[in-house]
Amino acid sequence: MATRQTSSSGKPKSPRIQVVLPEDLCNRLTALAEQESRTVSNMAKVLIQQGVQRLEQGVVSAAPTPPPSTTDRLRSALEAQQPRRLRGAPRRLRLHRPT
Protein backbone atom coordinates (compact mmCIF):
# COMPACT_ATOMS: atom_id res chain seq x y z
CA MET A 1 0.00 0.00 0.00
CA ALA A 2 1.25 3.50 -0.81
CA THR A 3 2.24 5.64 2.14
CA ARG A 4 1.22 9.26 2.42
CA GLN A 5 3.29 11.79 4.31
CA THR A 6 2.39 15.27 5.50
CA SER A 7 4.48 18.31 4.61
CA SER A 8 5.59 20.88 7.17
CA SER A 9 2.74 23.14 6.05
CA GLY A 10 0.22 20.43 6.92
CA LYS A 11 -0.73 19.60 3.32
CA PRO A 12 -0.69 15.91 2.40
CA LYS A 13 2.10 14.87 0.03
CA SER A 14 1.63 12.56 -2.94
CA PRO A 15 1.51 8.85 -2.08
CA ARG A 16 4.87 7.07 -2.19
CA ILE A 17 5.70 3.51 -3.16
CA GLN A 18 8.86 1.47 -3.04
CA VAL A 19 9.94 -0.63 -6.01
CA VAL A 20 12.81 -3.11 -6.23
CA LEU A 21 14.50 -3.21 -9.66
CA PRO A 22 17.17 -5.49 -11.09
CA GLU A 23 20.51 -3.70 -11.37
CA ASP A 24 20.46 -3.74 -15.19
CA LEU A 25 17.00 -2.15 -15.34
CA CYS A 26 18.01 0.45 -12.75
CA ASN A 27 21.07 1.37 -14.85
CA ARG A 28 18.92 1.71 -17.96
CA LEU A 29 16.41 3.87 -16.09
CA THR A 30 19.22 6.08 -14.79
CA ALA A 31 20.63 6.51 -18.33
CA LEU A 32 17.20 7.48 -19.67
CA ALA A 33 16.75 9.97 -16.85
CA GLU A 34 20.12 11.58 -17.61
CA GLN A 35 19.27 11.85 -21.32
CA GLU A 36 16.08 13.75 -20.49
CA SER A 37 17.57 15.79 -17.61
CA ARG A 38 15.18 14.24 -15.09
CA THR A 39 15.59 12.61 -11.72
CA VAL A 40 15.40 8.82 -11.70
CA SER A 41 12.23 9.06 -9.60
CA ASN A 42 10.58 11.46 -12.05
CA MET A 43 11.61 9.32 -15.05
CA ALA A 44 10.08 6.26 -13.38
CA LYS A 45 6.87 8.22 -12.74
CA VAL A 46 6.66 9.32 -16.40
CA LEU A 47 7.25 5.78 -17.70
CA ILE A 48 4.68 4.33 -15.30
CA GLN A 49 2.13 6.96 -16.40
CA GLN A 50 2.74 6.10 -20.07
CA GLY A 51 2.44 2.38 -19.41
CA VAL A 52 -0.80 2.75 -17.44
CA GLN A 53 -2.22 4.99 -20.18
CA ARG A 54 -1.40 2.40 -22.86
CA LEU A 55 -2.98 -0.38 -20.84
CA GLU A 56 -6.12 1.66 -20.22
CA GLN A 57 -6.41 2.48 -23.92
CA GLY A 58 -5.89 -1.14 -24.89
CA VAL A 59 -2.84 -0.32 -27.01
CA VAL A 60 -0.75 -3.08 -25.47
CA SER A 61 -1.48 -6.27 -27.37
CA ALA A 62 -1.20 -9.80 -26.08
CA ALA A 63 1.18 -10.84 -28.87
CA PRO A 64 4.66 -9.34 -28.85
CA THR A 65 5.70 -7.41 -31.92
CA PRO A 66 8.18 -9.21 -34.16
CA PRO A 67 11.75 -7.90 -34.16
CA PRO A 68 12.59 -5.49 -36.99
CA SER A 69 13.97 -7.08 -40.13
CA THR A 70 17.47 -6.44 -41.41
CA THR A 71 16.03 -4.11 -44.05
CA ASP A 72 14.15 -2.11 -41.42
CA ARG A 73 17.25 -1.82 -39.23
CA LEU A 74 19.37 -0.69 -42.21
CA ARG A 75 16.74 1.85 -43.26
CA SER A 76 16.54 3.25 -39.73
CA ALA A 77 20.32 3.49 -39.48
CA LEU A 78 20.56 5.32 -42.81
CA GLU A 79 17.73 7.70 -41.90
CA ALA A 80 19.43 8.50 -38.60
CA GLN A 81 22.66 9.57 -40.30
CA GLN A 82 23.31 13.26 -40.76
CA PRO A 83 23.89 14.41 -44.34
CA ARG A 84 27.53 15.22 -45.08
CA ARG A 85 28.85 17.73 -47.54
CA LEU A 86 31.09 16.59 -50.33
CA ARG A 87 34.68 17.76 -50.25
CA GLY A 88 35.56 19.75 -53.32
CA ALA A 89 33.86 19.73 -56.70
CA PRO A 90 32.43 16.47 -58.01
CA ARG A 91 34.79 14.55 -60.28
CA ARG A 92 33.82 13.39 -63.71
CA LEU A 93 34.07 9.72 -64.40
CA ARG A 94 36.03 8.63 -67.44
CA LEU A 95 34.60 5.67 -69.17
CA HIS A 96 37.02 3.38 -70.91
CA ARG A 97 35.87 2.71 -74.43
CA PRO A 98 37.30 -0.37 -76.04
CA THR A 99 38.87 0.32 -79.46
PDB file of N, CA and C in Angstrom:
ATOM      1  N   MET A   1       0.846  -1.175   0.000  1.00  0.00           N
ATOM      2  CA  MET A   1       0.000   0.000   0.000  1.00  0.00           C
ATOM      3  C   MET A   1       0.894   1.241   0.000  1.00  0.00           C
ATOM      4  N   ALA A   2       0.479   2.262  -0.738  1.00  0.00           N
ATOM      5  CA  ALA A   2       1.245   3.495  -0.809  1.00  0.00           C
ATOM      6  C   ALA A   2       1.151   4.249   0.508  1.00  0.00           C
ATOM      7  N   THR A   3       2.246   4.857   0.901  1.00  0.00           N
ATOM      8  CA  THR A   3       2.245   5.643   2.137  1.00  0.00           C
ATOM      9  C   THR A   3       2.094   7.111   1.788  1.00  0.00           C
ATOM     10  N   ARG A   4       1.415   7.834   2.635  1.00  0.00           N
ATOM     11  CA  ARG A   4       1.220   9.262   2.419  1.00  0.00           C
ATOM     12  C   ARG A   4       1.839  10.008   3.595  1.00  0.00           C
ATOM     13  N   GLN A   5       2.652  10.989   3.276  1.00  0.00           N
ATOM     14  CA  GLN A   5       3.289  11.793   4.306  1.00  0.00           C
ATOM     15  C   GLN A   5       2.644  13.175   4.328  1.00  0.00           C
ATOM     16  N   THR A   6       2.923  13.919   5.374  1.00  0.00           N
ATOM     17  CA  THR A   6       2.392  15.273   5.496  1.00  0.00           C
ATOM     18  C   THR A   6       3.562  16.248   5.465  1.00  0.00           C
ATOM     19  N   SER A   7       3.407  17.328   4.689  1.00  0.00           N
ATOM     20  CA  SER A   7       4.475  18.315   4.607  1.00  0.00           C
ATOM     21  C   SER A   7       4.478  19.177   5.861  1.00  0.00           C
ATOM     22  N   SER A   8       5.493  20.011   5.987  1.00  0.00           N
ATOM     23  CA  SER A   8       5.593  20.879   7.168  1.00  0.00           C
ATOM     24  C   SER A   8       4.470  21.901   7.210  1.00  0.00           C
ATOM     25  N   SER A   9       3.855  22.196   6.070  1.00  0.00           N
ATOM     26  CA  SER A   9       2.741  23.145   6.046  1.00  0.00           C
ATOM     27  C   SER A   9       1.412  22.472   6.393  1.00  0.00           C
ATOM     28  N   GLY A  10       1.438  21.138   6.562  1.00  0.00           N
ATOM     29  CA  GLY A  10       0.223  20.427   6.920  1.00  0.00           C
ATOM     30  C   GLY A  10      -0.507  19.818   5.735  1.00  0.00           C
ATOM     31  N   LYS A  11      -0.083  20.162   4.503  1.00  0.00           N
ATOM     32  CA  LYS A  11      -0.728  19.601   3.323  1.00  0.00           C
ATOM     33  C   LYS A  11      -0.252  18.164   3.116  1.00  0.00           C
ATOM     34  N   PRO A  12      -1.131  17.279   2.659  1.00  0.00           N
ATOM     35  CA  PRO A  12      -0.686  15.908   2.401  1.00  0.00           C
ATOM     36  C   PRO A  12       0.171  15.842   1.129  1.00  0.00           C
ATOM     37  N   LYS A  13       1.238  15.067   1.198  1.00  0.00           N
ATOM     38  CA  LYS A  13       2.101  14.869   0.033  1.00  0.00           C
ATOM     39  C   LYS A  13       1.529  13.757  -0.832  1.00  0.00           C
ATOM     40  N   SER A  14       2.059  13.627  -2.038  1.00  0.00           N
ATOM     41  CA  SER A  14       1.632  12.555  -2.940  1.00  0.00           C
ATOM     42  C   SER A  14       1.996  11.208  -2.329  1.00  0.00           C
ATOM     43  N   PRO A  15       1.195  10.185  -2.604  1.00  0.00           N
ATOM     44  CA  PRO A  15       1.513   8.853  -2.082  1.00  0.00           C
ATOM     45  C   PRO A  15       2.858   8.366  -2.613  1.00  0.00           C
ATOM     46  N   ARG A  16       3.554   7.581  -1.813  1.00  0.00           N
ATOM     47  CA  ARG A  16       4.872   7.067  -2.194  1.00  0.00           C
ATOM     48  C   ARG A  16       4.849   5.551  -2.169  1.00  0.00           C
ATOM     49  N   ILE A  17       5.574   4.959  -3.125  1.00  0.00           N
ATOM     50  CA  ILE A  17       5.702   3.507  -3.164  1.00  0.00           C
ATOM     51  C   ILE A  17       7.182   3.163  -3.250  1.00  0.00           C
ATOM     52  N   GLN A  18       7.491   1.940  -2.951  1.00  0.00           N
ATOM     53  CA  GLN A  18       8.862   1.469  -3.041  1.00  0.00           C
ATOM     54  C   GLN A  18       8.895   0.323  -4.045  1.00  0.00           C
ATOM     55  N   VAL A  19       9.828   0.378  -4.969  1.00  0.00           N
ATOM     56  CA  VAL A  19       9.941  -0.632  -6.015  1.00  0.00           C
ATOM     57  C   VAL A  19      11.358  -1.177  -6.015  1.00  0.00           C
ATOM     58  N   VAL A  20      11.499  -2.479  -6.143  1.00  0.00           N
ATOM     59  CA  VAL A  20      12.815  -3.110  -6.227  1.00  0.00           C
ATOM     60  C   VAL A  20      13.062  -3.471  -7.691  1.00  0.00           C
ATOM     61  N   LEU A  21      14.168  -2.981  -8.250  1.00  0.00           N
ATOM     62  CA  LEU A  21      14.501  -3.211  -9.658  1.00  0.00           C
ATOM     63  C   LEU A  21      15.782  -4.024  -9.775  1.00  0.00           C
ATOM     64  N   PRO A  22      15.891  -4.838 -10.816  1.00  0.00           N
ATOM     65  CA  PRO A  22      17.174  -5.487 -11.093  1.00  0.00           C
ATOM     66  C   PRO A  22      18.205  -4.413 -11.439  1.00  0.00           C
ATOM     67  N   GLU A  23      19.452  -4.697 -11.166  1.00  0.00           N
ATOM     68  CA  GLU A  23      20.506  -3.696 -11.370  1.00  0.00           C
ATOM     69  C   GLU A  23      20.560  -3.199 -12.810  1.00  0.00           C
ATOM     70  N   ASP A  24      20.408  -4.119 -13.782  1.00  0.00           N
ATOM     71  CA  ASP A  24      20.457  -3.739 -15.190  1.00  0.00           C
ATOM     72  C   ASP A  24      19.337  -2.755 -15.531  1.00  0.00           C
ATOM     73  N   LEU A  25      18.134  -3.032 -15.068  1.00  0.00           N
ATOM     74  CA  LEU A  25      17.000  -2.147 -15.339  1.00  0.00           C
ATOM     75  C   LEU A  25      17.195  -0.795 -14.658  1.00  0.00           C
ATOM     76  N   CYS A  26      17.745  -0.803 -13.465  1.00  0.00           N
ATOM     77  CA  CYS A  26      18.014   0.451 -12.748  1.00  0.00           C
ATOM     78  C   CYS A  26      19.036   1.296 -13.503  1.00  0.00           C
ATOM     79  N   ASN A  27      20.067   0.644 -14.064  1.00  0.00           N
ATOM     80  CA  ASN A  27      21.070   1.370 -14.855  1.00  0.00           C
ATOM     81  C   ASN A  27      20.456   1.969 -16.107  1.00  0.00           C
ATOM     82  N   ARG A  28      19.581   1.202 -16.758  1.00  0.00           N
ATOM     83  CA  ARG A  28      18.924   1.707 -17.964  1.00  0.00           C
ATOM     84  C   ARG A  28      18.008   2.878 -17.636  1.00  0.00           C
ATOM     85  N   LEU A  29      17.287   2.789 -16.522  1.00  0.00           N
ATOM     86  CA  LEU A  29      16.409   3.868 -16.089  1.00  0.00           C
ATOM     87  C   LEU A  29      17.221   5.126 -15.770  1.00  0.00           C
ATOM     88  N   THR A  30      18.347   4.948 -15.121  1.00  0.00           N
ATOM     89  CA  THR A  30      19.225   6.076 -14.793  1.00  0.00           C
ATOM     90  C   THR A  30      19.739   6.747 -16.060  1.00  0.00           C
ATOM     91  N   ALA A  31      20.137   5.953 -17.061  1.00  0.00           N
ATOM     92  CA  ALA A  31      20.632   6.507 -18.327  1.00  0.00           C
ATOM     93  C   ALA A  31      19.532   7.299 -19.040  1.00  0.00           C
ATOM     94  N   LEU A  32      18.316   6.760 -19.049  1.00  0.00           N
ATOM     95  CA  LEU A  32      17.197   7.482 -19.674  1.00  0.00           C
ATOM     96  C   LEU A  32      16.928   8.803 -18.956  1.00  0.00           C
ATOM     97  N   ALA A  33      16.986   8.757 -17.635  1.00  0.00           N
ATOM     98  CA  ALA A  33      16.747   9.971 -16.845  1.00  0.00           C
ATOM     99  C   ALA A  33      17.800  11.039 -17.160  1.00  0.00           C
ATOM    100  N   GLU A  34      19.054  10.632 -17.292  1.00  0.00           N
ATOM    101  CA  GLU A  34      20.119  11.582 -17.610  1.00  0.00           C
ATOM    102  C   GLU A  34      19.920  12.183 -18.993  1.00  0.00           C
ATOM    103  N   GLN A  35      19.498  11.359 -19.958  1.00  0.00           N
ATOM    104  CA  GLN A  35      19.274  11.855 -21.318  1.00  0.00           C
ATOM    105  C   GLN A  35      18.190  12.929 -21.346  1.00  0.00           C
ATOM    106  N   GLU A  36      17.188  12.803 -20.498  1.00  0.00           N
ATOM    107  CA  GLU A  36      16.079  13.752 -20.493  1.00  0.00           C
ATOM    108  C   GLU A  36      16.182  14.783 -19.374  1.00  0.00           C
ATOM    109  N   SER A  37      17.322  14.828 -18.705  1.00  0.00           N
ATOM    110  CA  SER A  37      17.565  15.785 -17.610  1.00  0.00           C
ATOM    111  C   SER A  37      16.462  15.702 -16.550  1.00  0.00           C
ATOM    112  N   ARG A  38      16.175  14.481 -16.127  1.00  0.00           N
ATOM    113  CA  ARG A  38      15.178  14.243 -15.090  1.00  0.00           C
ATOM    114  C   ARG A  38      15.835  13.493 -13.938  1.00  0.00           C
ATOM    115  N   THR A  39      15.139  13.473 -12.808  1.00  0.00           N
ATOM    116  CA  THR A  39      15.591  12.614 -11.723  1.00  0.00           C
ATOM    117  C   THR A  39      15.137  11.192 -12.065  1.00  0.00           C
ATOM    118  N   VAL A  40      15.780  10.217 -11.457  1.00  0.00           N
ATOM    119  CA  VAL A  40      15.398   8.823 -11.697  1.00  0.00           C
ATOM    120  C   VAL A  40      13.958   8.608 -11.241  1.00  0.00           C
ATOM    121  N   SER A  41      13.583   9.194 -10.122  1.00  0.00           N
ATOM    122  CA  SER A  41      12.231   9.059  -9.604  1.00  0.00           C
ATOM    123  C   SER A  41      11.209   9.646 -10.573  1.00  0.00           C
ATOM    124  N   ASN A  42      11.504  10.829 -11.115  1.00  0.00           N
ATOM    125  CA  ASN A  42      10.582  11.460 -12.053  1.00  0.00           C
ATOM    126  C   ASN A  42      10.487  10.670 -13.350  1.00  0.00           C
ATOM    127  N   MET A  43      11.618  10.117 -13.824  1.00  0.00           N
ATOM    128  CA  MET A  43      11.607   9.322 -15.046  1.00  0.00           C
ATOM    129  C   MET A  43      10.754   8.073 -14.850  1.00  0.00           C
ATOM    130  N   ALA A  44      10.880   7.437 -13.683  1.00  0.00           N
ATOM    131  CA  ALA A  44      10.080   6.256 -13.380  1.00  0.00           C
ATOM    132  C   ALA A  44       8.599   6.618 -13.367  1.00  0.00           C
ATOM    133  N   LYS A  45       8.261   7.768 -12.787  1.00  0.00           N
ATOM    134  CA  LYS A  45       6.873   8.225 -12.739  1.00  0.00           C
ATOM    135  C   LYS A  45       6.319   8.422 -14.150  1.00  0.00           C
ATOM    136  N   VAL A  46       7.096   9.066 -15.028  1.00  0.00           N
ATOM    137  CA  VAL A  46       6.662   9.321 -16.401  1.00  0.00           C
ATOM    138  C   VAL A  46       6.440   8.005 -17.142  1.00  0.00           C
ATOM    139  N   LEU A  47       7.377   7.065 -17.007  1.00  0.00           N
ATOM    140  CA  LEU A  47       7.253   5.782 -17.702  1.00  0.00           C
ATOM    141  C   LEU A  47       6.068   4.971 -17.177  1.00  0.00           C
ATOM    142  N   ILE A  48       5.823   5.030 -15.873  1.00  0.00           N
ATOM    143  CA  ILE A  48       4.677   4.326 -15.302  1.00  0.00           C
ATOM    144  C   ILE A  48       3.375   4.946 -15.822  1.00  0.00           C
ATOM    145  N   GLN A  49       3.326   6.284 -15.873  1.00  0.00           N
ATOM    146  CA  GLN A  49       2.131   6.956 -16.396  1.00  0.00           C
ATOM    147  C   GLN A  49       1.856   6.528 -17.838  1.00  0.00           C
ATOM    148  N   GLN A  50       2.906   6.493 -18.665  1.00  0.00           N
ATOM    149  CA  GLN A  50       2.740   6.101 -20.067  1.00  0.00           C
ATOM    150  C   GLN A  50       2.261   4.652 -20.177  1.00  0.00           C
ATOM    151  N   GLY A  51       2.830   3.780 -19.376  1.00  0.00           N
ATOM    152  CA  GLY A  51       2.439   2.378 -19.408  1.00  0.00           C
ATOM    153  C   GLY A  51       0.995   2.173 -18.980  1.00  0.00           C
ATOM    154  N   VAL A  52       0.577   2.862 -17.920  1.00  0.00           N
ATOM    155  CA  VAL A  52      -0.800   2.746 -17.440  1.00  0.00           C
ATOM    156  C   VAL A  52      -1.761   3.288 -18.497  1.00  0.00           C
ATOM    157  N   GLN A  53      -1.381   4.405 -19.126  1.00  0.00           N
ATOM    158  CA  GLN A  53      -2.216   4.989 -20.180  1.00  0.00           C
ATOM    159  C   GLN A  53      -2.406   4.007 -21.331  1.00  0.00           C
ATOM    160  N   ARG A  54      -1.319   3.370 -21.761  1.00  0.00           N
ATOM    161  CA  ARG A  54      -1.395   2.405 -22.858  1.00  0.00           C
ATOM    162  C   ARG A  54      -2.293   1.225 -22.488  1.00  0.00           C
ATOM    163  N   LEU A  55      -2.150   0.735 -21.270  1.00  0.00           N
ATOM    164  CA  LEU A  55      -2.983  -0.382 -20.835  1.00  0.00           C
ATOM    165  C   LEU A  55      -4.457   0.009 -20.790  1.00  0.00           C
ATOM    166  N   GLU A  56      -4.734   1.209 -20.299  1.00  0.00           N
ATOM    167  CA  GLU A  56      -6.119   1.664 -20.216  1.00  0.00           C
ATOM    168  C   GLU A  56      -6.730   1.864 -21.600  1.00  0.00           C
ATOM    169  N   GLN A  57      -5.918   2.257 -22.565  1.00  0.00           N
ATOM    170  CA  GLN A  57      -6.411   2.481 -23.925  1.00  0.00           C
ATOM    171  C   GLN A  57      -6.435   1.192 -24.735  1.00  0.00           C
ATOM    172  N   GLY A  58      -5.902   0.125 -24.186  1.00  0.00           N
ATOM    173  CA  GLY A  58      -5.895  -1.143 -24.890  1.00  0.00           C
ATOM    174  C   GLY A  58      -4.875  -1.214 -26.003  1.00  0.00           C
ATOM    175  N   VAL A  59      -3.858  -0.353 -25.954  1.00  0.00           N
ATOM    176  CA  VAL A  59      -2.841  -0.325 -27.006  1.00  0.00           C
ATOM    177  C   VAL A  59      -1.911  -1.520 -26.885  1.00  0.00           C
ATOM    178  N   VAL A  60      -1.669  -1.969 -25.672  1.00  0.00           N
ATOM    179  CA  VAL A  60      -0.751  -3.082 -25.472  1.00  0.00           C
ATOM    180  C   VAL A  60      -1.454  -4.350 -25.924  1.00  0.00           C
ATOM    181  N   SER A  61      -0.855  -5.050 -26.857  1.00  0.00           N
ATOM    182  CA  SER A  61      -1.476  -6.268 -27.372  1.00  0.00           C
ATOM    183  C   SER A  61      -0.910  -7.477 -26.653  1.00  0.00           C
ATOM    184  N   ALA A  62      -1.637  -8.579 -26.736  1.00  0.00           N
ATOM    185  CA  ALA A  62      -1.204  -9.803 -26.078  1.00  0.00           C
ATOM    186  C   ALA A  62       0.001 -10.406 -26.784  1.00  0.00           C
ATOM    187  N   ALA A  63       0.062 -10.275 -28.099  1.00  0.00           N
ATOM    188  CA  ALA A  63       1.176 -10.843 -28.870  1.00  0.00           C
ATOM    189  C   ALA A  63       2.308  -9.826 -28.960  1.00  0.00           C
ATOM    190  N   PRO A  64       3.537 -10.272 -28.717  1.00  0.00           N
ATOM    191  CA  PRO A  64       4.660  -9.343 -28.847  1.00  0.00           C
ATOM    192  C   PRO A  64       4.896  -9.002 -30.316  1.00  0.00           C
ATOM    193  N   THR A  65       5.419  -7.811 -30.547  1.00  0.00           N
ATOM    194  CA  THR A  65       5.697  -7.409 -31.917  1.00  0.00           C
ATOM    195  C   THR A  65       6.959  -8.119 -32.395  1.00  0.00           C
ATOM    196  N   PRO A  66       6.995  -8.520 -33.664  1.00  0.00           N
ATOM    197  CA  PRO A  66       8.177  -9.208 -34.165  1.00  0.00           C
ATOM    198  C   PRO A  66       9.362  -8.256 -34.224  1.00  0.00           C
ATOM    199  N   PRO A  67      10.584  -8.773 -34.088  1.00  0.00           N
ATOM    200  CA  PRO A  67      11.751  -7.904 -34.156  1.00  0.00           C
ATOM    201  C   PRO A  67      11.880  -7.310 -35.559  1.00  0.00           C
ATOM    202  N   PRO A  68      12.466  -6.113 -35.676  1.00  0.00           N
ATOM    203  CA  PRO A  68      12.590  -5.493 -36.992  1.00  0.00           C
ATOM    204  C   PRO A  68      13.503  -6.319 -37.898  1.00  0.00           C
ATOM    205  N   SER A  69      13.171  -6.318 -39.174  1.00  0.00           N
ATOM    206  CA  SER A  69      13.971  -7.083 -40.133  1.00  0.00           C
ATOM    207  C   SER A  69      15.286  -6.359 -40.399  1.00  0.00           C
ATOM    208  N   THR A  70      16.184  -7.033 -41.066  1.00  0.00           N
ATOM    209  CA  THR A  70      17.474  -6.439 -41.412  1.00  0.00           C
ATOM    210  C   THR A  70      17.268  -5.198 -42.262  1.00  0.00           C
ATOM    211  N   THR A  71      16.319  -5.263 -43.186  1.00  0.00           N
ATOM    212  CA  THR A  71      16.034  -4.112 -44.049  1.00  0.00           C
ATOM    213  C   THR A  71      15.550  -2.927 -43.228  1.00  0.00           C
ATOM    214  N   ASP A  72      14.663  -3.183 -42.264  1.00  0.00           N
ATOM    215  CA  ASP A  72      14.152  -2.108 -41.420  1.00  0.00           C
ATOM    216  C   ASP A  72      15.261  -1.491 -40.573  1.00  0.00           C
ATOM    217  N   ARG A  73      16.134  -2.347 -40.043  1.00  0.00           N
ATOM    218  CA  ARG A  73      17.251  -1.824 -39.233  1.00  0.00           C
ATOM    219  C   ARG A  73      18.187  -0.979 -40.089  1.00  0.00           C
ATOM    220  N   LEU A  74      18.491  -1.440 -41.311  1.00  0.00           N
ATOM    221  CA  LEU A  74      19.372  -0.689 -42.211  1.00  0.00           C
ATOM    222  C   LEU A  74      18.734   0.644 -42.574  1.00  0.00           C
ATOM    223  N   ARG A  75      17.437   0.616 -42.893  1.00  0.00           N
ATOM    224  CA  ARG A  75      16.740   1.847 -43.258  1.00  0.00           C
ATOM    225  C   ARG A  75      16.776   2.839 -42.097  1.00  0.00           C
ATOM    226  N   SER A  76      16.524   2.365 -40.898  1.00  0.00           N
ATOM    227  CA  SER A  76      16.536   3.247 -39.728  1.00  0.00           C
ATOM    228  C   SER A  76      17.922   3.835 -39.495  1.00  0.00           C
ATOM    229  N   ALA A  77      18.947   2.999 -39.665  1.00  0.00           N
ATOM    230  CA  ALA A  77      20.322   3.487 -39.479  1.00  0.00           C
ATOM    231  C   ALA A  77      20.670   4.551 -40.512  1.00  0.00           C
ATOM    232  N   LEU A  78      20.267   4.336 -41.757  1.00  0.00           N
ATOM    233  CA  LEU A  78      20.561   5.320 -42.812  1.00  0.00           C
ATOM    234  C   LEU A  78      19.787   6.616 -42.590  1.00  0.00           C
ATOM    235  N   GLU A  79      18.528   6.503 -42.161  1.00  0.00           N
ATOM    236  CA  GLU A  79      17.734   7.702 -41.905  1.00  0.00           C
ATOM    237  C   GLU A  79      18.258   8.490 -40.715  1.00  0.00           C
ATOM    238  N   ALA A  80      18.905   7.816 -39.783  1.00  0.00           N
ATOM    239  CA  ALA A  80      19.430   8.495 -38.598  1.00  0.00           C
ATOM    240  C   ALA A  80      20.723   9.256 -38.883  1.00  0.00           C
ATOM    241  N   GLN A  81      21.402   8.908 -39.987  1.00  0.00           N
ATOM    242  CA  GLN A  81      22.664   9.573 -40.303  1.00  0.00           C
ATOM    243  C   GLN A  81      22.422  11.013 -40.718  1.00  0.00           C
ATOM    244  N   GLN A  82      23.358  11.862 -40.356  1.00  0.00           N
ATOM    245  CA  GLN A  82      23.305  13.258 -40.762  1.00  0.00           C
ATOM    246  C   GLN A  82      23.901  13.386 -42.158  1.00  0.00           C
ATOM    247  N   PRO A  83      23.309  14.227 -43.014  1.00  0.00           N
ATOM    248  CA  PRO A  83      23.890  14.408 -44.341  1.00  0.00           C
ATOM    249  C   PRO A  83      25.258  15.075 -44.228  1.00  0.00           C
ATOM    250  N   ARG A  84      26.176  14.640 -45.092  1.00  0.00           N
ATOM    251  CA  ARG A  84      27.528  15.218 -45.083  1.00  0.00           C
ATOM    252  C   ARG A  84      27.779  15.911 -46.405  1.00  0.00           C
ATOM    253  N   ARG A  85      28.502  16.994 -46.334  1.00  0.00           N
ATOM    254  CA  ARG A  85      28.846  17.734 -47.539  1.00  0.00           C
ATOM    255  C   ARG A  85      30.007  17.054 -48.246  1.00  0.00           C
ATOM    256  N   LEU A  86      29.990  17.134 -49.555  1.00  0.00           N
ATOM    257  CA  LEU A  86      31.094  16.587 -50.333  1.00  0.00           C
ATOM    258  C   LEU A  86      32.288  17.512 -50.222  1.00  0.00           C
ATOM    259  N   ARG A  87      33.460  16.946 -50.292  1.00  0.00           N
ATOM    260  CA  ARG A  87      34.682  17.757 -50.251  1.00  0.00           C
ATOM    261  C   ARG A  87      35.080  18.078 -51.684  1.00  0.00           C
ATOM    262  N   GLY A  88      35.134  19.339 -51.989  1.00  0.00           N
ATOM    263  CA  GLY A  88      35.556  19.754 -53.322  1.00  0.00           C
ATOM    264  C   GLY A  88      34.459  19.537 -54.350  1.00  0.00           C
ATOM    265  N   ALA A  89      34.813  19.870 -55.598  1.00  0.00           N
ATOM    266  CA  ALA A  89      33.861  19.727 -56.699  1.00  0.00           C
ATOM    267  C   ALA A  89      33.739  18.259 -57.082  1.00  0.00           C
ATOM    268  N   PRO A  90      32.576  17.860 -57.582  1.00  0.00           N
ATOM    269  CA  PRO A  90      32.427  16.473 -58.012  1.00  0.00           C
ATOM    270  C   PRO A  90      33.359  16.161 -59.177  1.00  0.00           C
ATOM    271  N   ARG A  91      33.891  14.957 -59.204  1.00  0.00           N
ATOM    272  CA  ARG A  91      34.792  14.547 -60.281  1.00  0.00           C
ATOM    273  C   ARG A  91      33.984  13.873 -61.378  1.00  0.00           C
ATOM    274  N   ARG A  92      34.470  14.061 -62.592  1.00  0.00           N
ATOM    275  CA  ARG A  92      33.818  13.386 -63.708  1.00  0.00           C
ATOM    276  C   ARG A  92      34.429  12.002 -63.859  1.00  0.00           C
ATOM    277  N   LEU A  93      33.591  11.067 -64.169  1.00  0.00           N
ATOM    278  CA  LEU A  93      34.074   9.721 -64.401  1.00  0.00           C
ATOM    279  C   LEU A  93      34.479   9.561 -65.854  1.00  0.00           C
ATOM    280  N   ARG A  94      35.597   8.911 -66.076  1.00  0.00           N
ATOM    281  CA  ARG A  94      36.033   8.631 -67.439  1.00  0.00           C
ATOM    282  C   ARG A  94      35.709   7.178 -67.737  1.00  0.00           C
ATOM    283  N   LEU A  95      34.943   7.019 -68.775  1.00  0.00           N
ATOM    284  CA  LEU A  95      34.605   5.670 -69.174  1.00  0.00           C
ATOM    285  C   LEU A  95      35.628   5.175 -70.188  1.00  0.00           C
ATOM    286  N   HIS A  96      36.050   3.975 -69.984  1.00  0.00           N
ATOM    287  CA  HIS A  96      37.023   3.381 -70.914  1.00  0.00           C
ATOM    288  C   HIS A  96      36.254   2.755 -72.062  1.00  0.00           C
ATOM    289  N   ARG A  97      36.536   3.254 -73.271  1.00  0.00           N
ATOM    290  CA  ARG A  97      35.865   2.715 -74.431  1.00  0.00           C
ATOM    291  C   ARG A  97      36.831   1.764 -75.159  1.00  0.00           C
ATOM    292  N   PRO A  98      36.402   0.559 -75.326  1.00  0.00           N
ATOM    293  CA  PRO A  98      37.296  -0.365 -76.043  1.00  0.00           C
ATOM    294  C   PRO A  98      37.426   0.064 -77.503  1.00  0.00           C
ATOM    295  N   THR A  99      38.632  -0.081 -78.073  1.00  0.00           N
ATOM    296  CA  THR A  99      38.866   0.316 -79.462  1.00  0.00           C
ATOM    297  C   THR A  99      38.832  -0.841 -80.409  1.00  0.00           C
TER     298      THR A  99
END
